[in-house]
Amino acid sequence: MQDPRACSKGDPCSCSPPASQATGTPSAAHAVDAAHQPEKAGVDRRKFLTGTAAAAALAGASTAQDPKSDVRSDLFLKEEHWRERMQAPDDGKKFGWVVDVRRCFGCHGCEVACKAENDIPLGNYMRQTIYHDYEKEQGGLARIMVPMACQHCEDAPCIKACPCGAMHKGAGGSVQVDYDSCSGHGACKEACPYGAIYIDPVANQAIKCHNCTHRVDEGMDPACVATCPSEALYFGDLNDPESKVSKLKARLEDEDALDQLRPEKGTRPRAWFAGSKDRSIKEWEPKIPGEGESYHNDAYSVYQWKKGGAE
C-alpha cells in the first residue's frame, strides 16, 4: 500500500486497488453500509461488490498540527474537502454509547454477534474485548475486560484524513464508510487514535463499526447490545432524555463514574466508559490500539497472565 499521505499533495487520488487485487466477495459489512448511502448518478454498485472502488479527486493536505491535541493532523486534508462529510444529517438524533466495564465478564458474545451480523473474516474485528490483568492488593491476579469498537467521534480524524471522500457522518452522527468511494487507501486507519479500523483483506476497503444502522433503522439495538448477557453495552439517542443510554449516562455522570478514551486527542468521542474508582481508565488505556493499528488476536492470549504479577 502506498504512503497514506501520497494522495494529499494536490493530485487526484490514484490509490484504487488494481483489478487483479479486487476480487472475491466483500463482507456483509460492506453491503450494510452501502445500503445506507445515497444513490449516486452513474455509479454501478457492482463495482463495489467486486472491490473496484472509484476514488474521488481531493487535493491539499493540512500540515499544521493542532496545538490542542496530538492527533495525526499531518494526515488531514484541507477543511474544504471534509467539512460537509463531517456534518451529520439533520435527523435530530445523536447516537452514543455507554460501556459499563464493571459488568463485562469477557464472554465475547458481542464480538461473535458482530462477526455473524457483518460476516467479518477470521483474524479481523469490528469490535474486540481488550484484557487488562492486574495484581490485587490482597494477592493474586484479576482481569478487567473492556469491550471496544469505533468511538464515532464528533471530530473524527478518519473523516479528515480520507482522501477518497468515503468516510462521512451518517444517521445520528454515526461515522460511516461509503464503499462506492473507498479504495483501501489506509489514511483513515493511520489517523484513528483508537485502532478501530481495519483494511478488508479481500475487498481492500476500510471496515469499522457502523452502529448496525440496518438494525437501528428497524427499531432494534445493534447486534452486540442485543447479545450482551451482562448488559454492559448501552446504545441509543443521547438527544432523547428518556432513552436508556441517556438516563444511564446522566446517573453515572452524577456519580462521577464516567471517563472517555484519550481526551488529549481532541476527537470528542461518542462513547463513555464506566469503571470502578480503584481501577482508573488510565490503567488499561495503554492496551487499546492506537494510530495505524487494529484489533488483533494477541489481545485474547491467556498467556498474558504472568506468574508472580500482572503486566
C-alpha atoms as a PDB file:
ATOM      1  CA  MET A   1       0.000   0.000   0.000  1.00  0.00           C
ATOM      2  CA  GLN A   2       1.270   3.444  -0.839  1.00  0.00           C
ATOM      3  CA  ASP A   3       2.083   6.143   1.681  1.00  0.00           C
ATOM      4  CA  PRO A   4      -1.283   7.313   3.152  1.00  0.00           C
ATOM      5  CA  ARG A   5      -0.187  10.904   2.594  1.00  0.00           C
ATOM      6  CA  ALA A   6       0.708  10.429  -1.063  1.00  0.00           C
ATOM      7  CA  CYS A   7      -2.775  11.399  -2.240  1.00  0.00           C
ATOM      8  CA  SER A   8      -2.777  14.604  -0.227  1.00  0.00           C
ATOM      9  CA  LYS A   9      -0.334  16.646  -2.262  1.00  0.00           C
ATOM     10  CA  GLY A  10      -2.756  18.305  -4.643  1.00  0.00           C
ATOM     11  CA  ASP A  11      -3.096  15.493  -7.195  1.00  0.00           C
ATOM     12  CA  PRO A  12      -6.168  13.296  -7.710  1.00  0.00           C
ATOM     13  CA  CYS A  13      -6.253  10.199  -5.528  1.00  0.00           C
ATOM     14  CA  SER A  14      -4.860   7.273  -7.515  1.00  0.00           C
ATOM     15  CA  CYS A  15      -4.758   4.626  -4.815  1.00  0.00           C
ATOM     16  CA  SER A  16      -7.602   2.405  -6.037  1.00  0.00           C
ATOM     17  CA  PRO A  17      -6.583  -1.260  -5.935  1.00  0.00           C
ATOM     18  CA  PRO A  18      -5.688  -2.825  -9.287  1.00  0.00           C
ATOM     19  CA  ALA A  19      -8.265  -5.159 -10.794  1.00  0.00           C
ATOM     20  CA  SER A  20      -6.029  -8.135 -10.003  1.00  0.00           C
ATOM     21  CA  GLN A  21      -6.472  -7.409  -6.273  1.00  0.00           C
ATOM     22  CA  ALA A  22     -10.142  -6.529  -6.378  1.00  0.00           C
ATOM     23  CA  THR A  23     -11.673  -9.973  -6.458  1.00  0.00           C
ATOM     24  CA  GLY A  24     -13.760 -12.002  -4.064  1.00  0.00           C
ATOM     25  CA  THR A  25     -16.964 -11.283  -2.192  1.00  0.00           C
ATOM     26  CA  PRO A  26     -16.775  -8.455   0.364  1.00  0.00           C
ATOM     27  CA  SER A  27     -18.222  -8.973   3.803  1.00  0.00           C
ATOM     28  CA  ALA A  28     -21.784  -8.163   4.763  1.00  0.00           C
ATOM     29  CA  ALA A  29     -20.409  -5.075   6.491  1.00  0.00           C
ATOM     30  CA  HIS A  30     -19.838  -3.547   3.064  1.00  0.00           C
ATOM     31  CA  ALA A  31     -23.397  -4.271   1.978  1.00  0.00           C
ATOM     32  CA  VAL A  32     -24.816  -2.873   5.224  1.00  0.00           C
ATOM     33  CA  ASP A  33     -23.063   0.468   4.891  1.00  0.00           C
ATOM     34  CA  ALA A  34     -23.594   0.631   1.138  1.00  0.00           C
ATOM     35  CA  ALA A  35     -27.328   0.201   1.632  1.00  0.00           C
ATOM     36  CA  HIS A  36     -27.361   3.426   3.661  1.00  0.00           C
ATOM     37  CA  GLN A  37     -25.505   5.567   1.143  1.00  0.00           C
ATOM     38  CA  PRO A  38     -27.467   7.920  -1.132  1.00  0.00           C
ATOM     39  CA  GLU A  39     -27.633   6.712  -4.726  1.00  0.00           C
ATOM     40  CA  LYS A  40     -25.162   8.459  -6.978  1.00  0.00           C
ATOM     41  CA  ALA A  41     -25.802   9.090 -10.631  1.00  0.00           C
ATOM     42  CA  GLY A  42     -23.659   6.931 -12.858  1.00  0.00           C
ATOM     43  CA  VAL A  43     -22.357   4.739 -10.031  1.00  0.00           C
ATOM     44  CA  ASP A  44     -22.583   0.989 -10.603  1.00  0.00           C
ATOM     45  CA  ARG A  45     -22.745  -0.701  -7.199  1.00  0.00           C
ATOM     46  CA  ARG A  46     -21.409  -3.900  -8.754  1.00  0.00           C
ATOM     47  CA  LYS A  47     -18.068  -2.108  -8.808  1.00  0.00           C
ATOM     48  CA  PHE A  48     -18.211  -2.189  -5.053  1.00  0.00           C
ATOM     49  CA  LEU A  49     -19.197  -5.840  -4.974  1.00  0.00           C
ATOM     50  CA  THR A  50     -16.118  -6.732  -6.992  1.00  0.00           C
ATOM     51  CA  GLY A  51     -13.959  -4.452  -4.902  1.00  0.00           C
ATOM     52  CA  THR A  52     -13.152  -1.916  -7.656  1.00  0.00           C
ATOM     53  CA  ALA A  53     -13.921   1.350  -5.902  1.00  0.00           C
ATOM     54  CA  ALA A  54     -13.721   4.693  -7.600  1.00  0.00           C
ATOM     55  CA  ALA A  55     -11.721   7.258  -5.653  1.00  0.00           C
ATOM     56  CA  ALA A  56     -12.705  10.905  -5.507  1.00  0.00           C
ATOM     57  CA  ALA A  57     -10.209  13.550  -6.521  1.00  0.00           C
ATOM     58  CA  LEU A  58      -9.254  15.541  -3.464  1.00  0.00           C
ATOM     59  CA  ALA A  59      -6.441  17.984  -3.026  1.00  0.00           C
ATOM     60  CA  GLY A  60      -4.229  19.615  -0.446  1.00  0.00           C
ATOM     61  CA  ALA A  61      -3.094  18.308   2.913  1.00  0.00           C
ATOM     62  CA  SER A  62      -3.180  20.286   6.132  1.00  0.00           C
ATOM     63  CA  THR A  63       0.255  20.088   7.703  1.00  0.00           C
ATOM     64  CA  ALA A  64      -0.387  22.349  10.669  1.00  0.00           C
ATOM     65  CA  GLN A  65      -0.503  20.442  13.950  1.00  0.00           C
ATOM     66  CA  ASP A  66      -3.469  21.276  16.166  1.00  0.00           C
ATOM     67  CA  PRO A  67      -1.881  22.748  19.313  1.00  0.00           C
ATOM     68  CA  LYS A  68      -4.797  21.434  21.406  1.00  0.00           C
ATOM     69  CA  SER A  69      -4.251  17.751  20.554  1.00  0.00           C
ATOM     70  CA  ASP A  70      -1.639  15.244  19.472  1.00  0.00           C
ATOM     71  CA  VAL A  71      -3.824  13.543  16.877  1.00  0.00           C
ATOM     72  CA  ARG A  72      -2.224  12.782  13.484  1.00  0.00           C
ATOM     73  CA  SER A  73      -3.224  16.076  11.865  1.00  0.00           C
ATOM     74  CA  ASP A  74      -0.327  15.703   9.437  1.00  0.00           C
ATOM     75  CA  LEU A  75      -2.625  13.273   7.597  1.00  0.00           C
ATOM     76  CA  PHE A  76      -5.543  15.695   7.328  1.00  0.00           C
ATOM     77  CA  LEU A  77      -6.823  17.162   4.082  1.00  0.00           C
ATOM     78  CA  LYS A  78      -7.759  20.797   3.796  1.00  0.00           C
ATOM     79  CA  GLU A  79     -11.045  21.522   5.562  1.00  0.00           C
ATOM     80  CA  GLU A  80     -12.840  22.276   2.310  1.00  0.00           C
ATOM     81  CA  HIS A  81     -12.526  18.589   1.392  1.00  0.00           C
ATOM     82  CA  TRP A  82     -14.082  17.152   4.550  1.00  0.00           C
ATOM     83  CA  ARG A  83     -16.267  19.898   6.039  1.00  0.00           C
ATOM     84  CA  GLU A  84     -19.514  18.609   4.514  1.00  0.00           C
ATOM     85  CA  ARG A  85     -18.712  14.977   5.289  1.00  0.00           C
ATOM     86  CA  MET A  86     -18.244  15.874   8.960  1.00  0.00           C
ATOM     87  CA  GLN A  87     -21.821  17.175   9.135  1.00  0.00           C
ATOM     88  CA  ALA A  88     -24.402  14.603  10.242  1.00  0.00           C
ATOM     89  CA  PRO A  89     -27.855  14.528   8.606  1.00  0.00           C
ATOM     90  CA  ASP A  90     -30.350  16.826  10.274  1.00  0.00           C
ATOM     91  CA  ASP A  91     -32.376  13.983  11.786  1.00  0.00           C
ATOM     92  CA  GLY A  92     -32.441  15.317  15.350  1.00  0.00           C
ATOM     93  CA  LYS A  93     -30.623  12.249  16.689  1.00  0.00           C
ATOM     94  CA  LYS A  94     -27.289  11.865  18.416  1.00  0.00           C
ATOM     95  CA  PHE A  95     -26.264   8.244  18.778  1.00  0.00           C
ATOM     96  CA  GLY A  96     -23.852   7.365  21.548  1.00  0.00           C
ATOM     97  CA  TRP A  97     -22.570   4.602  23.814  1.00  0.00           C
ATOM     98  CA  VAL A  98     -22.045   3.844  27.472  1.00  0.00           C
ATOM     99  CA  VAL A  99     -19.798   0.856  28.201  1.00  0.00           C
ATOM    100  CA  ASP A 100     -20.036  -0.413  31.770  1.00  0.00           C
ATOM    101  CA  VAL A 101     -16.657  -2.099  32.224  1.00  0.00           C
ATOM    102  CA  ARG A 102     -17.730  -3.232  35.694  1.00  0.00           C
ATOM    103  CA  ARG A 103     -20.375  -5.526  34.215  1.00  0.00           C
ATOM    104  CA  CYS A 104     -18.346  -7.118  31.406  1.00  0.00           C
ATOM    105  CA  PHE A 105     -17.089 -10.629  32.261  1.00  0.00           C
ATOM    106  CA  GLY A 106     -15.398 -11.330  28.940  1.00  0.00           C
ATOM    107  CA  CYS A 107     -17.788 -13.791  27.290  1.00  0.00           C
ATOM    108  CA  HIS A 108     -17.025 -12.284  23.848  1.00  0.00           C
ATOM    109  CA  GLY A 109     -20.692 -12.581  22.890  1.00  0.00           C
ATOM    110  CA  CYS A 110     -20.601  -9.046  21.477  1.00  0.00           C
ATOM    111  CA  GLU A 111     -17.722  -9.971  19.165  1.00  0.00           C
ATOM    112  CA  VAL A 112     -19.369 -13.184  17.985  1.00  0.00           C
ATOM    113  CA  ALA A 113     -22.634 -11.334  17.304  1.00  0.00           C
ATOM    114  CA  CYS A 114     -20.768  -8.598  15.429  1.00  0.00           C
ATOM    115  CA  LYS A 115     -18.865 -11.080  13.292  1.00  0.00           C
ATOM    116  CA  ALA A 116     -22.030 -13.046  12.491  1.00  0.00           C
ATOM    117  CA  GLU A 117     -24.066  -9.931  11.731  1.00  0.00           C
ATOM    118  CA  ASN A 118     -21.424  -8.430   9.447  1.00  0.00           C
ATOM    119  CA  ASP A 119     -19.652 -11.519   8.076  1.00  0.00           C
ATOM    120  CA  ILE A 120     -16.268 -10.394   9.374  1.00  0.00           C
ATOM    121  CA  PRO A 121     -13.402 -12.653   8.207  1.00  0.00           C
ATOM    122  CA  LEU A 122     -11.219 -14.586  10.633  1.00  0.00           C
ATOM    123  CA  GLY A 123      -8.485 -12.540  12.249  1.00  0.00           C
ATOM    124  CA  ASN A 124     -10.329  -9.229  11.774  1.00  0.00           C
ATOM    125  CA  TYR A 125     -12.619  -7.402  14.165  1.00  0.00           C
ATOM    126  CA  MET A 126     -15.116  -4.559  14.138  1.00  0.00           C
ATOM    127  CA  ARG A 127     -15.097  -4.788  17.914  1.00  0.00           C
ATOM    128  CA  GLN A 128     -12.918  -6.558  20.430  1.00  0.00           C
ATOM    129  CA  THR A 129     -12.776  -7.142  24.165  1.00  0.00           C
ATOM    130  CA  ILE A 130      -9.450  -5.902  25.500  1.00  0.00           C
ATOM    131  CA  TYR A 131      -7.922  -7.614  28.544  1.00  0.00           C
ATOM    132  CA  HIS A 132      -6.034  -5.896  31.334  1.00  0.00           C
ATOM    133  CA  ASP A 133      -4.536  -8.002  34.133  1.00  0.00           C
ATOM    134  CA  TYR A 134      -3.576  -6.539  37.485  1.00  0.00           C
ATOM    135  CA  GLU A 135      -2.418  -7.724  40.887  1.00  0.00           C
ATOM    136  CA  LYS A 136      -4.958  -7.415  43.669  1.00  0.00           C
ATOM    137  CA  GLU A 137      -3.999  -5.799  46.959  1.00  0.00           C
ATOM    138  CA  GLN A 138      -4.899  -8.979  48.827  1.00  0.00           C
ATOM    139  CA  GLY A 139      -2.753 -11.017  46.449  1.00  0.00           C
ATOM    140  CA  GLY A 140      -3.437 -12.898  43.247  1.00  0.00           C
ATOM    141  CA  LEU A 141      -4.362 -11.643  39.805  1.00  0.00           C
ATOM    142  CA  ALA A 142      -7.570 -10.237  38.399  1.00  0.00           C
ATOM    143  CA  ARG A 143      -8.646  -9.220  34.934  1.00  0.00           C
ATOM    144  CA  ILE A 144     -10.605  -6.263  33.564  1.00  0.00           C
ATOM    145  CA  MET A 145     -12.477  -6.809  30.300  1.00  0.00           C
ATOM    146  CA  VAL A 146     -13.115  -3.751  28.113  1.00  0.00           C
ATOM    147  CA  PRO A 147     -15.438  -4.048  25.059  1.00  0.00           C
ATOM    148  CA  MET A 148     -14.002  -1.779  22.367  1.00  0.00           C
ATOM    149  CA  ALA A 149     -15.192  -0.513  18.970  1.00  0.00           C
ATOM    150  CA  CYS A 150     -15.285   2.707  16.953  1.00  0.00           C
ATOM    151  CA  GLN A 151     -15.853   5.740  19.187  1.00  0.00           C
ATOM    152  CA  HIS A 152     -17.883   7.570  16.482  1.00  0.00           C
ATOM    153  CA  CYS A 153     -16.077  10.805  17.236  1.00  0.00           C
ATOM    154  CA  GLU A 154     -17.672  14.215  16.879  1.00  0.00           C
ATOM    155  CA  ASP A 155     -14.410  15.482  15.368  1.00  0.00           C
ATOM    156  CA  ALA A 156     -13.471  12.284  13.541  1.00  0.00           C
ATOM    157  CA  PRO A 157      -9.826  12.129  12.355  1.00  0.00           C
ATOM    158  CA  CYS A 158     -10.669   9.357   9.882  1.00  0.00           C
ATOM    159  CA  ILE A 159     -13.006  11.706   8.015  1.00  0.00           C
ATOM    160  CA  LYS A 160     -10.381  14.436   7.875  1.00  0.00           C
ATOM    161  CA  ALA A 161      -7.724  12.033   6.589  1.00  0.00           C
ATOM    162  CA  CYS A 162      -9.762  10.114   3.987  1.00  0.00           C
ATOM    163  CA  PRO A 163      -8.574  11.273   0.532  1.00  0.00           C
ATOM    164  CA  CYS A 164     -11.291   9.370  -1.328  1.00  0.00           C
ATOM    165  CA  GLY A 165     -14.333  11.006   0.270  1.00  0.00           C
ATOM    166  CA  ALA A 166     -15.546   7.693   1.709  1.00  0.00           C
ATOM    167  CA  MET A 167     -15.593   8.446   5.444  1.00  0.00           C
ATOM    168  CA  HIS A 168     -18.569  10.563   6.479  1.00  0.00           C
ATOM    169  CA  LYS A 169     -21.239  11.134   9.128  1.00  0.00           C
ATOM    170  CA  GLY A 170     -24.448   9.140   8.753  1.00  0.00           C
ATOM    171  CA  ALA A 171     -27.680   8.893  10.727  1.00  0.00           C
ATOM    172  CA  GLY A 172     -27.401  10.134  14.297  1.00  0.00           C
ATOM    173  CA  GLY A 173     -23.799  11.211  13.692  1.00  0.00           C
ATOM    174  CA  SER A 174     -22.516   7.652  13.218  1.00  0.00           C
ATOM    175  CA  VAL A 175     -19.223   7.580  11.320  1.00  0.00           C
ATOM    176  CA  GLN A 176     -19.816   5.543   8.159  1.00  0.00           C
ATOM    177  CA  VAL A 177     -17.910   4.326   5.101  1.00  0.00           C
ATOM    178  CA  ASP A 178     -19.141   4.807   1.512  1.00  0.00           C
ATOM    179  CA  TYR A 179     -17.872   1.681  -0.230  1.00  0.00           C
ATOM    180  CA  ASP A 180     -18.522   3.117  -3.667  1.00  0.00           C
ATOM    181  CA  SER A 181     -15.695   5.540  -2.916  1.00  0.00           C
ATOM    182  CA  CYS A 182     -13.383   3.668  -0.531  1.00  0.00           C
ATOM    183  CA  SER A 183     -10.189   2.421  -2.149  1.00  0.00           C
ATOM    184  CA  GLY A 184      -8.487   0.883   0.875  1.00  0.00           C
ATOM    185  CA  HIS A 185      -6.055   3.780   0.923  1.00  0.00           C
ATOM    186  CA  GLY A 186      -5.415   3.383   4.660  1.00  0.00           C
ATOM    187  CA  ALA A 187      -5.130   7.013   5.784  1.00  0.00           C
ATOM    188  CA  CYS A 188      -8.224   6.552   7.971  1.00  0.00           C
ATOM    189  CA  LYS A 189      -6.572   3.662   9.822  1.00  0.00           C
ATOM    190  CA  GLU A 190      -3.382   5.674  10.266  1.00  0.00           C
ATOM    191  CA  ALA A 191      -5.343   8.603  11.716  1.00  0.00           C
ATOM    192  CA  CYS A 192      -7.652   6.685  14.101  1.00  0.00           C
ATOM    193  CA  PRO A 193      -6.415   7.091  17.713  1.00  0.00           C
ATOM    194  CA  TYR A 194      -8.372   4.011  18.837  1.00  0.00           C
ATOM    195  CA  GLY A 195      -7.298   1.327  16.363  1.00  0.00           C
ATOM    196  CA  ALA A 196     -10.931   0.841  15.326  1.00  0.00           C
ATOM    197  CA  ILE A 197     -10.438   0.479  11.546  1.00  0.00           C
ATOM    198  CA  TYR A 198      -9.007  -2.403   9.550  1.00  0.00           C
ATOM    199  CA  ILE A 199      -8.495  -2.885   5.828  1.00  0.00           C
ATOM    200  CA  ASP A 200     -10.525  -5.824   4.489  1.00  0.00           C
ATOM    201  CA  PRO A 201      -8.064  -8.360   3.035  1.00  0.00           C
ATOM    202  CA  VAL A 202     -10.443  -9.383   0.232  1.00  0.00           C
ATOM    203  CA  ALA A 203     -12.081  -6.165  -0.933  1.00  0.00           C
ATOM    204  CA  ASN A 204      -9.161  -3.928   0.146  1.00  0.00           C
ATOM    205  CA  GLN A 205     -11.501  -1.454   1.785  1.00  0.00           C
ATOM    206  CA  ALA A 206     -11.783   0.116   5.235  1.00  0.00           C
ATOM    207  CA  ILE A 207     -14.065  -1.673   7.701  1.00  0.00           C
ATOM    208  CA  LYS A 208     -15.297  -0.349  11.042  1.00  0.00           C
ATOM    209  CA  CYS A 209     -18.302  -0.389  13.344  1.00  0.00           C
ATOM    210  CA  HIS A 210     -21.281   1.338  11.720  1.00  0.00           C
ATOM    211  CA  ASN A 211     -23.617   1.149  14.740  1.00  0.00           C
ATOM    212  CA  CYS A 212     -25.595  -1.618  12.981  1.00  0.00           C
ATOM    213  CA  THR A 213     -27.511   1.065  11.117  1.00  0.00           C
ATOM    214  CA  HIS A 214     -29.592  -1.558   9.305  1.00  0.00           C
ATOM    215  CA  ARG A 215     -30.866  -2.843  12.658  1.00  0.00           C
ATOM    216  CA  VAL A 216     -31.309   0.572  14.264  1.00  0.00           C
ATOM    217  CA  ASP A 217     -33.396   1.684  11.270  1.00  0.00           C
ATOM    218  CA  GLU A 218     -35.790  -1.159  12.107  1.00  0.00           C
ATOM    219  CA  GLY A 219     -36.041  -0.178  15.774  1.00  0.00           C
ATOM    220  CA  MET A 220     -33.593  -2.818  17.013  1.00  0.00           C
ATOM    221  CA  ASP A 221     -30.424  -2.495  19.056  1.00  0.00           C
ATOM    222  CA  PRO A 222     -27.023  -3.148  17.477  1.00  0.00           C
ATOM    223  CA  ALA A 223     -26.235  -6.876  17.431  1.00  0.00           C
ATOM    224  CA  CYS A 224     -23.625  -6.562  20.201  1.00  0.00           C
ATOM    225  CA  VAL A 225     -26.046  -4.773  22.538  1.00  0.00           C
ATOM    226  CA  ALA A 226     -28.836  -7.271  21.887  1.00  0.00           C
ATOM    227  CA  THR A 227     -26.466 -10.167  22.634  1.00  0.00           C
ATOM    228  CA  CYS A 228     -24.609  -8.922  25.736  1.00  0.00           C
ATOM    229  CA  PRO A 229     -25.823 -11.106  28.658  1.00  0.00           C
ATOM    230  CA  SER A 230     -24.465  -8.802  31.366  1.00  0.00           C
ATOM    231  CA  GLU A 231     -25.925  -5.589  29.945  1.00  0.00           C
ATOM    232  CA  ALA A 232     -22.524  -3.949  29.754  1.00  0.00           C
ATOM    233  CA  LEU A 233     -23.271  -2.183  26.449  1.00  0.00           C
ATOM    234  CA  TYR A 234     -25.764   0.648  26.079  1.00  0.00           C
ATOM    235  CA  PHE A 235     -26.551   2.417  22.814  1.00  0.00           C
ATOM    236  CA  GLY A 236     -29.135   4.953  21.821  1.00  0.00           C
ATOM    237  CA  ASP A 237     -30.117   8.531  21.132  1.00  0.00           C
ATOM    238  CA  LEU A 238     -28.416  10.912  23.535  1.00  0.00           C
ATOM    239  CA  ASN A 239     -30.802  13.666  22.425  1.00  0.00           C
ATOM    240  CA  ASP A 240     -33.703  11.661  23.871  1.00  0.00           C
ATOM    241  CA  PRO A 241     -33.667  12.188  27.654  1.00  0.00           C
ATOM    242  CA  GLU A 242     -35.928   9.161  28.060  1.00  0.00           C
ATOM    243  CA  SER A 243     -33.632   6.753  26.229  1.00  0.00           C
ATOM    244  CA  LYS A 244     -31.913   4.101  28.349  1.00  0.00           C
ATOM    245  CA  VAL A 245     -28.451   5.322  27.380  1.00  0.00           C
ATOM    246  CA  SER A 246     -29.289   8.950  28.265  1.00  0.00           C
ATOM    247  CA  LYS A 247     -30.645   8.024  31.679  1.00  0.00           C
ATOM    248  CA  LEU A 248     -27.652   5.812  32.462  1.00  0.00           C
ATOM    249  CA  LYS A 249     -25.169   8.432  31.273  1.00  0.00           C
ATOM    250  CA  ALA A 250     -26.822  11.112  33.427  1.00  0.00           C
ATOM    251  CA  ARG A 251     -26.780   8.881  36.512  1.00  0.00           C
ATOM    252  CA  LEU A 252     -23.160   7.849  36.066  1.00  0.00           C
ATOM    253  CA  GLU A 253     -22.115  11.449  35.461  1.00  0.00           C
ATOM    254  CA  ASP A 254     -23.722  12.392  38.791  1.00  0.00           C
ATOM    255  CA  GLU A 255     -21.652   9.614  40.376  1.00  0.00           C
ATOM    256  CA  ASP A 256     -18.502  10.870  38.633  1.00  0.00           C
ATOM    257  CA  ALA A 257     -18.096   7.365  37.231  1.00  0.00           C
ATOM    258  CA  LEU A 258     -17.604   8.085  33.515  1.00  0.00           C
ATOM    259  CA  ASP A 259     -14.417   8.505  31.504  1.00  0.00           C
ATOM    260  CA  GLN A 260     -13.534   8.799  27.837  1.00  0.00           C
ATOM    261  CA  LEU A 261     -10.575   7.419  25.948  1.00  0.00           C
ATOM    262  CA  ARG A 262      -7.654   9.687  25.151  1.00  0.00           C
ATOM    263  CA  PRO A 263      -9.333  13.091  25.543  1.00  0.00           C
ATOM    264  CA  GLU A 264      -5.989  14.697  24.664  1.00  0.00           C
ATOM    265  CA  LYS A 265      -6.647  13.648  21.058  1.00  0.00           C
ATOM    266  CA  GLY A 266      -9.439  16.221  20.841  1.00  0.00           C
ATOM    267  CA  THR A 267     -11.758  13.899  18.891  1.00  0.00           C
ATOM    268  CA  ARG A 268     -14.767  14.208  21.247  1.00  0.00           C
ATOM    269  CA  PRO A 269     -15.767  10.530  21.115  1.00  0.00           C
ATOM    270  CA  ARG A 270     -19.394   9.447  21.480  1.00  0.00           C
ATOM    271  CA  ALA A 271     -18.542   6.607  23.878  1.00  0.00           C
ATOM    272  CA  TRP A 272     -18.210   6.760  27.662  1.00  0.00           C
ATOM    273  CA  PHE A 273     -16.743   4.108  29.951  1.00  0.00           C
ATOM    274  CA  ALA A 274     -17.883   3.348  33.487  1.00  0.00           C
ATOM    275  CA  GLY A 275     -15.311   1.683  35.717  1.00  0.00           C
ATOM    276  CA  SER A 276     -14.523   1.149  39.368  1.00  0.00           C
ATOM    277  CA  LYS A 277     -12.955   4.033  41.264  1.00  0.00           C
ATOM    278  CA  ASP A 278      -9.899   1.973  42.204  1.00  0.00           C
ATOM    279  CA  ARG A 279      -9.184   0.952  38.593  1.00  0.00           C
ATOM    280  CA  SER A 280      -8.704   4.111  36.533  1.00  0.00           C
ATOM    281  CA  ILE A 281      -9.174   4.147  32.760  1.00  0.00           C
ATOM    282  CA  LYS A 282      -5.543   5.272  32.557  1.00  0.00           C
ATOM    283  CA  GLU A 283      -4.539   1.870  33.895  1.00  0.00           C
ATOM    284  CA  TRP A 284      -5.910  -0.158  30.984  1.00  0.00           C
ATOM    285  CA  GLU A 285      -5.865   2.519  28.279  1.00  0.00           C
ATOM    286  CA  PRO A 286      -2.352   1.543  27.052  1.00  0.00           C
ATOM    287  CA  LYS A 287      -3.800  -1.821  25.969  1.00  0.00           C
ATOM    288  CA  ILE A 288      -6.068  -0.071  23.443  1.00  0.00           C
ATOM    289  CA  PRO A 289      -4.600   0.096  19.901  1.00  0.00           C
ATOM    290  CA  GLY A 290      -3.662   3.496  18.524  1.00  0.00           C
ATOM    291  CA  GLU A 291      -2.919   5.237  15.226  1.00  0.00           C
ATOM    292  CA  GLY A 292      -2.071   2.828  12.424  1.00  0.00           C
ATOM    293  CA  GLU A 293      -3.102  -0.218  14.489  1.00  0.00           C
ATOM    294  CA  SER A 294      -6.119  -2.542  14.504  1.00  0.00           C
ATOM    295  CA  TYR A 295      -7.615  -5.060  16.901  1.00  0.00           C
ATOM    296  CA  HIS A 296      -5.648  -8.307  16.823  1.00  0.00           C
ATOM    297  CA  ASN A 297      -5.705 -11.874  18.129  1.00  0.00           C
ATOM    298  CA  ASP A 298      -2.956 -11.290  20.693  1.00  0.00           C
ATOM    299  CA  ALA A 299      -5.425  -9.361  22.844  1.00  0.00           C
ATOM    300  CA  TYR A 300      -7.094 -12.684  23.694  1.00  0.00           C
ATOM    301  CA  SER A 301      -3.991 -14.535  24.834  1.00  0.00           C
ATOM    302  CA  VAL A 302      -4.323 -16.044  28.301  1.00  0.00           C
ATOM    303  CA  TYR A 303      -0.547 -16.205  28.261  1.00  0.00           C
ATOM    304  CA  GLN A 304      -0.531 -12.509  29.050  1.00  0.00           C
ATOM    305  CA  TRP A 305      -1.096 -13.602  32.637  1.00  0.00           C
ATOM    306  CA  LYS A 306       2.355 -13.634  34.172  1.00  0.00           C
ATOM    307  CA  LYS A 307       3.463 -15.746  37.060  1.00  0.00           C
ATOM    308  CA  GLY A 308       4.031 -13.606  40.111  1.00  0.00           C
ATOM    309  CA  GLY A 309       2.344 -10.470  38.820  1.00  0.00           C
ATOM    310  CA  ALA A 310       0.438  -8.696  36.081  1.00  0.00           C
ATOM    311  CA  GLU A 311       1.830  -6.914  33.069  1.00  0.00           C
END
